[in-house]
PDB file of all heavy atoms in Angstrom:
ATOM      1  N   GLY A   1       9.168   5.459   5.251  1.00  0.00           N
ATOM      2  CA  GLY A   1       9.106   4.006   5.399  1.00  0.00           C
ATOM      3  C   GLY A   1       7.706   3.482   5.617  1.00  0.00           C
ATOM      4  O   GLY A   1       7.503   2.283   5.781  1.00  0.00           O
ATOM      5  N   SER A   2       6.712   4.383   5.602  1.00  0.00           N
ATOM      6  CA  SER A   2       5.335   3.959   5.823  1.00  0.00           C
ATOM      7  C   SER A   2       4.384   4.821   4.993  1.00  0.00           C
ATOM      8  O   SER A   2       4.595   6.033   4.873  1.00  0.00           O
ATOM      9  CB  SER A   2       4.987   4.083   7.308  1.00  0.00           C
ATOM     10  OG  SER A   2       3.676   3.641   7.547  1.00  0.00           O
ATOM     11  N   ILE A   3       3.369   4.172   4.432  1.00  0.00           N
ATOM     12  CA  ILE A   3       2.326   4.874   3.695  1.00  0.00           C
ATOM     13  C   ILE A   3       0.979   4.266   4.077  1.00  0.00           C
ATOM     14  O   ILE A   3       0.928   3.215   4.719  1.00  0.00           O
ATOM     15  CB  ILE A   3       2.522   4.782   2.161  1.00  0.00           C
ATOM     16  CG1 ILE A   3       2.576   3.316   1.705  1.00  0.00           C
ATOM     17  CG2 ILE A   3       3.756   5.554   1.722  1.00  0.00           C
ATOM     18  CD1 ILE A   3       2.623   3.132   0.197  1.00  0.00           C
ATOM     19  N   SER A   4      -0.099   4.919   3.693  1.00  0.00           N
ATOM     20  CA  SER A   4      -1.445   4.385   3.888  1.00  0.00           C
ATOM     21  C   SER A   4      -2.014   4.061   2.518  1.00  0.00           C
ATOM     22  O   SER A   4      -1.976   4.898   1.615  1.00  0.00           O
ATOM     23  CB  SER A   4      -2.352   5.403   4.580  1.00  0.00           C
ATOM     24  OG  SER A   4      -1.945   5.588   5.910  1.00  0.00           O
ATOM     25  N   VAL A   5      -2.537   2.852   2.360  1.00  0.00           N
ATOM     26  CA  VAL A   5      -3.070   2.406   1.074  1.00  0.00           C
ATOM     27  C   VAL A   5      -4.567   2.139   1.210  1.00  0.00           C
ATOM     28  O   VAL A   5      -5.009   1.463   2.142  1.00  0.00           O
ATOM     29  CB  VAL A   5      -2.345   1.146   0.574  1.00  0.00           C
ATOM     30  CG1 VAL A   5      -2.981   0.610  -0.708  1.00  0.00           C
ATOM     31  CG2 VAL A   5      -0.862   1.444   0.358  1.00  0.00           C
ATOM     32  N   THR A   6      -5.312   2.688   0.258  1.00  0.00           N
ATOM     33  CA  THR A   6      -6.750   2.446   0.184  1.00  0.00           C
ATOM     34  C   THR A   6      -7.023   1.673  -1.093  1.00  0.00           C
ATOM     35  O   THR A   6      -6.771   2.170  -2.194  1.00  0.00           O
ATOM     36  CB  THR A   6      -7.534   3.780   0.156  1.00  0.00           C
ATOM     37  OG1 THR A   6      -7.177   4.539   1.311  1.00  0.00           O
ATOM     38  CG2 THR A   6      -9.031   3.525   0.151  1.00  0.00           C
ATOM     39  N   MET A   7      -7.503   0.456  -0.949  1.00  0.00           N
ATOM     40  CA  MET A   7      -7.816  -0.372  -2.109  1.00  0.00           C
ATOM     41  C   MET A   7      -9.114   0.131  -2.731  1.00  0.00           C
ATOM     42  O   MET A   7     -10.053   0.450  -2.018  1.00  0.00           O
ATOM     43  CB  MET A   7      -7.915  -1.831  -1.684  1.00  0.00           C
ATOM     44  CG  MET A   7      -6.595  -2.368  -1.152  1.00  0.00           C
ATOM     45  SD  MET A   7      -6.709  -3.974  -0.360  1.00  0.00           S
ATOM     46  CE  MET A   7      -7.098  -5.007  -1.739  1.00  0.00           C
ATOM     47  N   ASN A   8      -9.156   0.183  -4.071  1.00  0.00           N
ATOM     48  CA  ASN A   8     -10.342   0.711  -4.735  1.00  0.00           C
ATOM     49  C   ASN A   8     -10.976  -0.258  -5.730  1.00  0.00           C
ATOM     50  O   ASN A   8     -11.921   0.102  -6.414  1.00  0.00           O
ATOM     51  CB  ASN A   8     -10.027   2.040  -5.427  1.00  0.00           C
ATOM     52  CG  ASN A   8      -9.035   1.888  -6.562  1.00  0.00           C
ATOM     53  OD1 ASN A   8      -8.641   0.792  -6.930  1.00  0.00           O
ATOM     54  ND2 ASN A   8      -8.612   3.011  -7.113  1.00  0.00           N
ATOM     55  N   ALA A   9     -10.484  -1.461  -5.821  1.00  0.00           N
ATOM     56  CA  ALA A   9     -11.031  -2.430  -6.770  1.00  0.00           C
ATOM     57  C   ALA A   9     -12.008  -3.398  -6.096  1.00  0.00           C
ATOM     58  O   ALA A   9     -12.597  -4.229  -6.768  1.00  0.00           O
ATOM     59  CB  ALA A   9      -9.901  -3.212  -7.434  1.00  0.00           C
ATOM     60  N   GLU A  10     -12.158  -3.282  -4.805  1.00  0.00           N
ATOM     61  CA  GLU A  10     -13.012  -4.188  -4.044  1.00  0.00           C
ATOM     62  C   GLU A  10     -14.485  -3.792  -4.155  1.00  0.00           C
ATOM     63  O   GLU A  10     -14.793  -2.630  -4.416  1.00  0.00           O
ATOM     64  CB  GLU A  10     -12.593  -4.151  -2.567  1.00  0.00           C
ATOM     65  CG  GLU A  10     -11.150  -4.529  -2.332  1.00  0.00           C
ATOM     66  CD  GLU A  10     -10.844  -5.966  -2.669  1.00  0.00           C
ATOM     67  OE1 GLU A  10     -11.653  -6.850  -2.339  1.00  0.00           O
ATOM     68  OE2 GLU A  10      -9.800  -6.213  -3.291  1.00  0.00           O
ATOM     69  N   PRO A  11     -15.397  -4.728  -3.915  1.00  0.00           N
ATOM     70  CA  PRO A  11     -16.822  -4.391  -4.002  1.00  0.00           C
ATOM     71  C   PRO A  11     -17.283  -3.437  -2.909  1.00  0.00           C
ATOM     72  O   PRO A  11     -18.206  -2.658  -3.103  1.00  0.00           O
ATOM     73  CB  PRO A  11     -17.531  -5.735  -3.880  1.00  0.00           C
ATOM     74  CG  PRO A  11     -16.539  -6.660  -3.279  1.00  0.00           C
ATOM     75  CD  PRO A  11     -15.176  -6.133  -3.635  1.00  0.00           C
ATOM     76  N   GLU A  12     -16.638  -3.477  -1.753  1.00  0.00           N
ATOM     77  CA  GLU A  12     -16.998  -2.581  -0.658  1.00  0.00           C
ATOM     78  C   GLU A  12     -15.873  -1.584  -0.418  1.00  0.00           C
ATOM     79  O   GLU A  12     -14.726  -1.827  -0.784  1.00  0.00           O
ATOM     80  CB  GLU A  12     -17.296  -3.369   0.625  1.00  0.00           C
ATOM     81  CG  GLU A  12     -16.097  -4.051   1.257  1.00  0.00           C
ATOM     82  CD  GLU A  12     -15.726  -5.410   0.647  1.00  0.00           C
ATOM     83  OE1 GLU A  12     -16.505  -5.970  -0.129  1.00  0.00           O
ATOM     84  OE2 GLU A  12     -14.624  -5.889   0.946  1.00  0.00           O
ATOM     85  N   THR A  13     -16.210  -0.463   0.178  1.00  0.00           N
ATOM     86  CA  THR A  13     -15.220   0.549   0.504  1.00  0.00           C
ATOM     87  C   THR A  13     -14.404   0.065   1.701  1.00  0.00           C
ATOM     88  O   THR A  13     -14.970  -0.323   2.725  1.00  0.00           O
ATOM     89  CB  THR A  13     -15.907   1.883   0.850  1.00  0.00           C
ATOM     90  OG1 THR A  13     -16.704   2.279  -0.270  1.00  0.00           O
ATOM     91  CG2 THR A  13     -14.882   2.957   1.155  1.00  0.00           C
ATOM     92  N   LEU A  14     -13.114   0.076   1.552  1.00  0.00           N
ATOM     93  CA  LEU A  14     -12.220  -0.365   2.616  1.00  0.00           C
ATOM     94  C   LEU A  14     -11.496   0.834   3.205  1.00  0.00           C
ATOM     95  O   LEU A  14     -11.211   1.810   2.508  1.00  0.00           O
ATOM     96  CB  LEU A  14     -11.195  -1.361   2.074  1.00  0.00           C
ATOM     97  CG  LEU A  14     -11.759  -2.636   1.465  1.00  0.00           C
ATOM     98  CD1 LEU A  14     -10.628  -3.469   0.875  1.00  0.00           C
ATOM     99  CD2 LEU A  14     -12.521  -3.443   2.499  1.00  0.00           C
ATOM    100  N   GLN A  15     -11.192   0.742   4.483  1.00  0.00           N
ATOM    101  CA  GLN A  15     -10.413   1.793   5.132  1.00  0.00           C
ATOM    102  C   GLN A  15      -8.957   1.681   4.707  1.00  0.00           C
ATOM    103  O   GLN A  15      -8.471   0.601   4.373  1.00  0.00           O
ATOM    104  CB  GLN A  15     -10.506   1.665   6.646  1.00  0.00           C
ATOM    105  CG  GLN A  15     -11.858   1.997   7.206  1.00  0.00           C
ATOM    106  CD  GLN A  15     -11.815   2.058   8.724  1.00  0.00           C
ATOM    107  OE1 GLN A  15     -10.908   1.564   9.364  1.00  0.00           O
ATOM    108  NE2 GLN A  15     -12.834   2.669   9.293  1.00  0.00           N
ATOM    109  N   ALA A  16      -8.272   2.803   4.746  1.00  0.00           N
ATOM    110  CA  ALA A  16      -6.842   2.806   4.440  1.00  0.00           C
ATOM    111  C   ALA A  16      -6.111   1.921   5.447  1.00  0.00           C
ATOM    112  O   ALA A  16      -6.458   1.877   6.621  1.00  0.00           O
ATOM    113  CB  ALA A  16      -6.301   4.228   4.497  1.00  0.00           C
ATOM    114  N   ALA A  17      -5.117   1.205   4.946  1.00  0.00           N
ATOM    115  CA  ALA A  17      -4.310   0.333   5.796  1.00  0.00           C
ATOM    116  C   ALA A  17      -2.862   0.816   5.767  1.00  0.00           C
ATOM    117  O   ALA A  17      -2.367   1.245   4.720  1.00  0.00           O
ATOM    118  CB  ALA A  17      -4.389  -1.108   5.303  1.00  0.00           C
ATOM    119  N   PRO A  18      -2.180   0.726   6.908  1.00  0.00           N
ATOM    120  CA  PRO A  18      -0.769   1.120   6.923  1.00  0.00           C
ATOM    121  C   PRO A  18       0.101   0.060   6.245  1.00  0.00           C
ATOM    122  O   PRO A  18      -0.071  -1.133   6.485  1.00  0.00           O
ATOM    123  CB  PRO A  18      -0.447   1.223   8.413  1.00  0.00           C
ATOM    124  CG  PRO A  18      -1.442   0.328   9.087  1.00  0.00           C
ATOM    125  CD  PRO A  18      -2.668   0.318   8.222  1.00  0.00           C
ATOM    126  N   TRP A  19       0.963   0.507   5.377  1.00  0.00           N
ATOM    127  CA  TRP A  19       1.930  -0.360   4.706  1.00  0.00           C
ATOM    128  C   TRP A  19       3.324   0.089   5.120  1.00  0.00           C
ATOM    129  O   TRP A  19       3.646   1.274   5.076  1.00  0.00           O
ATOM    130  CB  TRP A  19       1.813  -0.252   3.189  1.00  0.00           C
ATOM    131  CG  TRP A  19       0.596  -0.889   2.585  1.00  0.00           C
ATOM    132  CD1 TRP A  19      -0.652  -0.976   3.103  1.00  0.00           C
ATOM    133  CD2 TRP A  19       0.529  -1.510   1.306  1.00  0.00           C
ATOM    134  NE1 TRP A  19      -1.499  -1.605   2.232  1.00  0.00           N
ATOM    135  CE2 TRP A  19      -0.794  -1.941   1.112  1.00  0.00           C
ATOM    136  CE3 TRP A  19       1.456  -1.720   0.288  1.00  0.00           C
ATOM    137  CZ2 TRP A  19      -1.217  -2.598  -0.036  1.00  0.00           C
ATOM    138  CZ3 TRP A  19       1.038  -2.371  -0.857  1.00  0.00           C
ATOM    139  CH2 TRP A  19      -0.280  -2.805  -1.017  1.00  0.00           C
ATOM    140  N   THR A  20       4.158  -0.847   5.493  1.00  0.00           N
ATOM    141  CA  THR A  20       5.546  -0.573   5.829  1.00  0.00           C
ATOM    142  C   THR A  20       6.411  -0.966   4.637  1.00  0.00           C
ATOM    143  O   THR A  20       6.297  -2.081   4.133  1.00  0.00           O
ATOM    144  CB  THR A  20       5.988  -1.361   7.077  1.00  0.00           C
ATOM    145  OG1 THR A  20       5.144  -0.994   8.168  1.00  0.00           O
ATOM    146  CG2 THR A  20       7.441  -1.086   7.424  1.00  0.00           C
ATOM    147  N   ILE A  21       7.227  -0.047   4.197  1.00  0.00           N
ATOM    148  CA  ILE A  21       8.132  -0.318   3.082  1.00  0.00           C
ATOM    149  C   ILE A  21       9.381  -0.962   3.659  1.00  0.00           C
ATOM    150  O   ILE A  21      10.127  -0.346   4.410  1.00  0.00           O
ATOM    151  CB  ILE A  21       8.467   0.977   2.314  1.00  0.00           C
ATOM    152  CG1 ILE A  21       7.168   1.588   1.776  1.00  0.00           C
ATOM    153  CG2 ILE A  21       9.474   0.689   1.197  1.00  0.00           C
ATOM    154  CD1 ILE A  21       7.303   3.012   1.283  1.00  0.00           C
ATOM    155  N   ARG A  22       9.593  -2.222   3.323  1.00  0.00           N
ATOM    156  CA  ARG A  22      10.721  -2.989   3.854  1.00  0.00           C
ATOM    157  C   ARG A  22      11.968  -2.846   2.991  1.00  0.00           C
ATOM    158  O   ARG A  22      13.091  -2.877   3.487  1.00  0.00           O
ATOM    159  CB  ARG A  22      10.343  -4.460   3.960  1.00  0.00           C
ATOM    160  CG  ARG A  22       9.175  -4.705   4.898  1.00  0.00           C
ATOM    161  CD  ARG A  22       8.700  -6.129   4.816  1.00  0.00           C
ATOM    162  NE  ARG A  22       9.687  -7.023   5.401  1.00  0.00           N
ATOM    163  CZ  ARG A  22       9.407  -7.977   6.255  1.00  0.00           C
ATOM    164  NH1 ARG A  22       8.163  -8.179   6.624  1.00  0.00           N
ATOM    165  NH2 ARG A  22      10.341  -8.762   6.719  1.00  0.00           N
ATOM    166  N   ARG A  23      11.731  -2.732   1.687  1.00  0.00           N
ATOM    167  CA  ARG A  23      12.858  -2.646   0.746  1.00  0.00           C
ATOM    168  C   ARG A  23      12.355  -1.973  -0.526  1.00  0.00           C
ATOM    169  O   ARG A  23      11.299  -2.333  -1.045  1.00  0.00           O
ATOM    170  CB  ARG A  23      13.344  -4.054   0.438  1.00  0.00           C
ATOM    171  CG  ARG A  23      14.568  -4.149  -0.408  1.00  0.00           C
ATOM    172  CD  ARG A  23      15.015  -5.611  -0.473  1.00  0.00           C
ATOM    173  NE  ARG A  23      15.914  -5.815  -1.590  1.00  0.00           N
ATOM    174  CZ  ARG A  23      16.098  -6.963  -2.188  1.00  0.00           C
ATOM    175  NH1 ARG A  23      15.445  -8.025  -1.781  1.00  0.00           N
ATOM    176  NH2 ARG A  23      16.931  -7.056  -3.189  1.00  0.00           N
ATOM    177  N   CYS A  24      13.096  -1.016  -1.013  1.00  0.00           N
ATOM    178  CA  CYS A  24      12.725  -0.329  -2.251  1.00  0.00           C
ATOM    179  C   CYS A  24      14.000  -0.051  -3.033  1.00  0.00           C
ATOM    180  O   CYS A  24      14.828   0.761  -2.607  1.00  0.00           O
ATOM    181  CB  CYS A  24      11.970   0.964  -1.956  1.00  0.00           C
ATOM    182  SG  CYS A  24      11.391   1.807  -3.447  1.00  0.00           S
ATOM    183  N   GLU A  25      14.153  -0.745  -4.156  1.00  0.00           N
ATOM    184  CA  GLU A  25      15.315  -0.596  -5.025  1.00  0.00           C
ATOM    185  C   GLU A  25      14.815  -0.371  -6.455  1.00  0.00           C
ATOM    186  O   GLU A  25      14.708  -1.311  -7.239  1.00  0.00           O
ATOM    187  CB  GLU A  25      16.205  -1.840  -4.955  1.00  0.00           C
ATOM    188  CG  GLU A  25      16.749  -2.110  -3.569  1.00  0.00           C
ATOM    189  CD  GLU A  25      17.446  -3.460  -3.445  1.00  0.00           C
ATOM    190  OE1 GLU A  25      17.677  -4.132  -4.471  1.00  0.00           O
ATOM    191  OE2 GLU A  25      17.746  -3.844  -2.305  1.00  0.00           O
ATOM    192  N   PRO A  26      14.445   0.893  -6.762  1.00  0.00           N
ATOM    193  CA  PRO A  26      13.875   1.192  -8.079  1.00  0.00           C
ATOM    194  C   PRO A  26      14.841   0.834  -9.210  1.00  0.00           C
ATOM    195  O   PRO A  26      16.036   1.073  -9.079  1.00  0.00           O
ATOM    196  CB  PRO A  26      13.642   2.694  -8.041  1.00  0.00           C
ATOM    197  CG  PRO A  26      13.681   3.071  -6.595  1.00  0.00           C
ATOM    198  CD  PRO A  26      14.569   2.074  -5.922  1.00  0.00           C
ATOM    199  N   PRO A  27      14.367   0.330 -10.299  1.00  0.00           N
ATOM    200  CA  PRO A  27      13.023  -0.168 -10.578  1.00  0.00           C
ATOM    201  C   PRO A  27      12.934  -1.693 -10.473  1.00  0.00           C
ATOM    202  O   PRO A  27      12.222  -2.339 -11.243  1.00  0.00           O
ATOM    203  CB  PRO A  27      12.814   0.264 -12.037  1.00  0.00           C
ATOM    204  CG  PRO A  27      14.183   0.057 -12.649  1.00  0.00           C
ATOM    205  CD  PRO A  27      15.162   0.415 -11.543  1.00  0.00           C
ATOM    206  N   HIS A  28      13.642  -2.271  -9.506  1.00  0.00           N
ATOM    207  CA  HIS A  28      13.736  -3.729  -9.461  1.00  0.00           C
ATOM    208  C   HIS A  28      13.014  -4.424  -8.319  1.00  0.00           C
ATOM    209  O   HIS A  28      12.489  -5.529  -8.520  1.00  0.00           O
ATOM    210  CB  HIS A  28      15.213  -4.149  -9.448  1.00  0.00           C
ATOM    211  CG  HIS A  28      15.940  -3.750 -10.685  1.00  0.00           C
ATOM    212  ND1 HIS A  28      15.805  -4.412 -11.873  1.00  0.00           N
ATOM    213  CD2 HIS A  28      16.786  -2.728 -10.921  1.00  0.00           C
ATOM    214  CE1 HIS A  28      16.544  -3.819 -12.798  1.00  0.00           C
ATOM    215  NE2 HIS A  28      17.150  -2.789 -12.241  1.00  0.00           N
ATOM    216  N   VAL A  29      13.001  -3.844  -7.129  1.00  0.00           N
ATOM    217  CA  VAL A  29      12.432  -4.547  -5.977  1.00  0.00           C
ATOM    218  C   VAL A  29      11.627  -3.591  -5.104  1.00  0.00           C
ATOM    219  O   VAL A  29      12.101  -2.510  -4.761  1.00  0.00           O
ATOM    220  CB  VAL A  29      13.535  -5.198  -5.100  1.00  0.00           C
ATOM    221  CG1 VAL A  29      12.927  -5.909  -3.900  1.00  0.00           C
ATOM    222  CG2 VAL A  29      14.396  -6.155  -5.905  1.00  0.00           C
TER     223      VAL A  29
END
């Protein structure tokens, strides 16, 4: 229910942020 995401398209290096998965219904939501 939780992952760490590191954005890579930004001009500066960002630290990984925790993401909570609230709902996952492949391949729709």
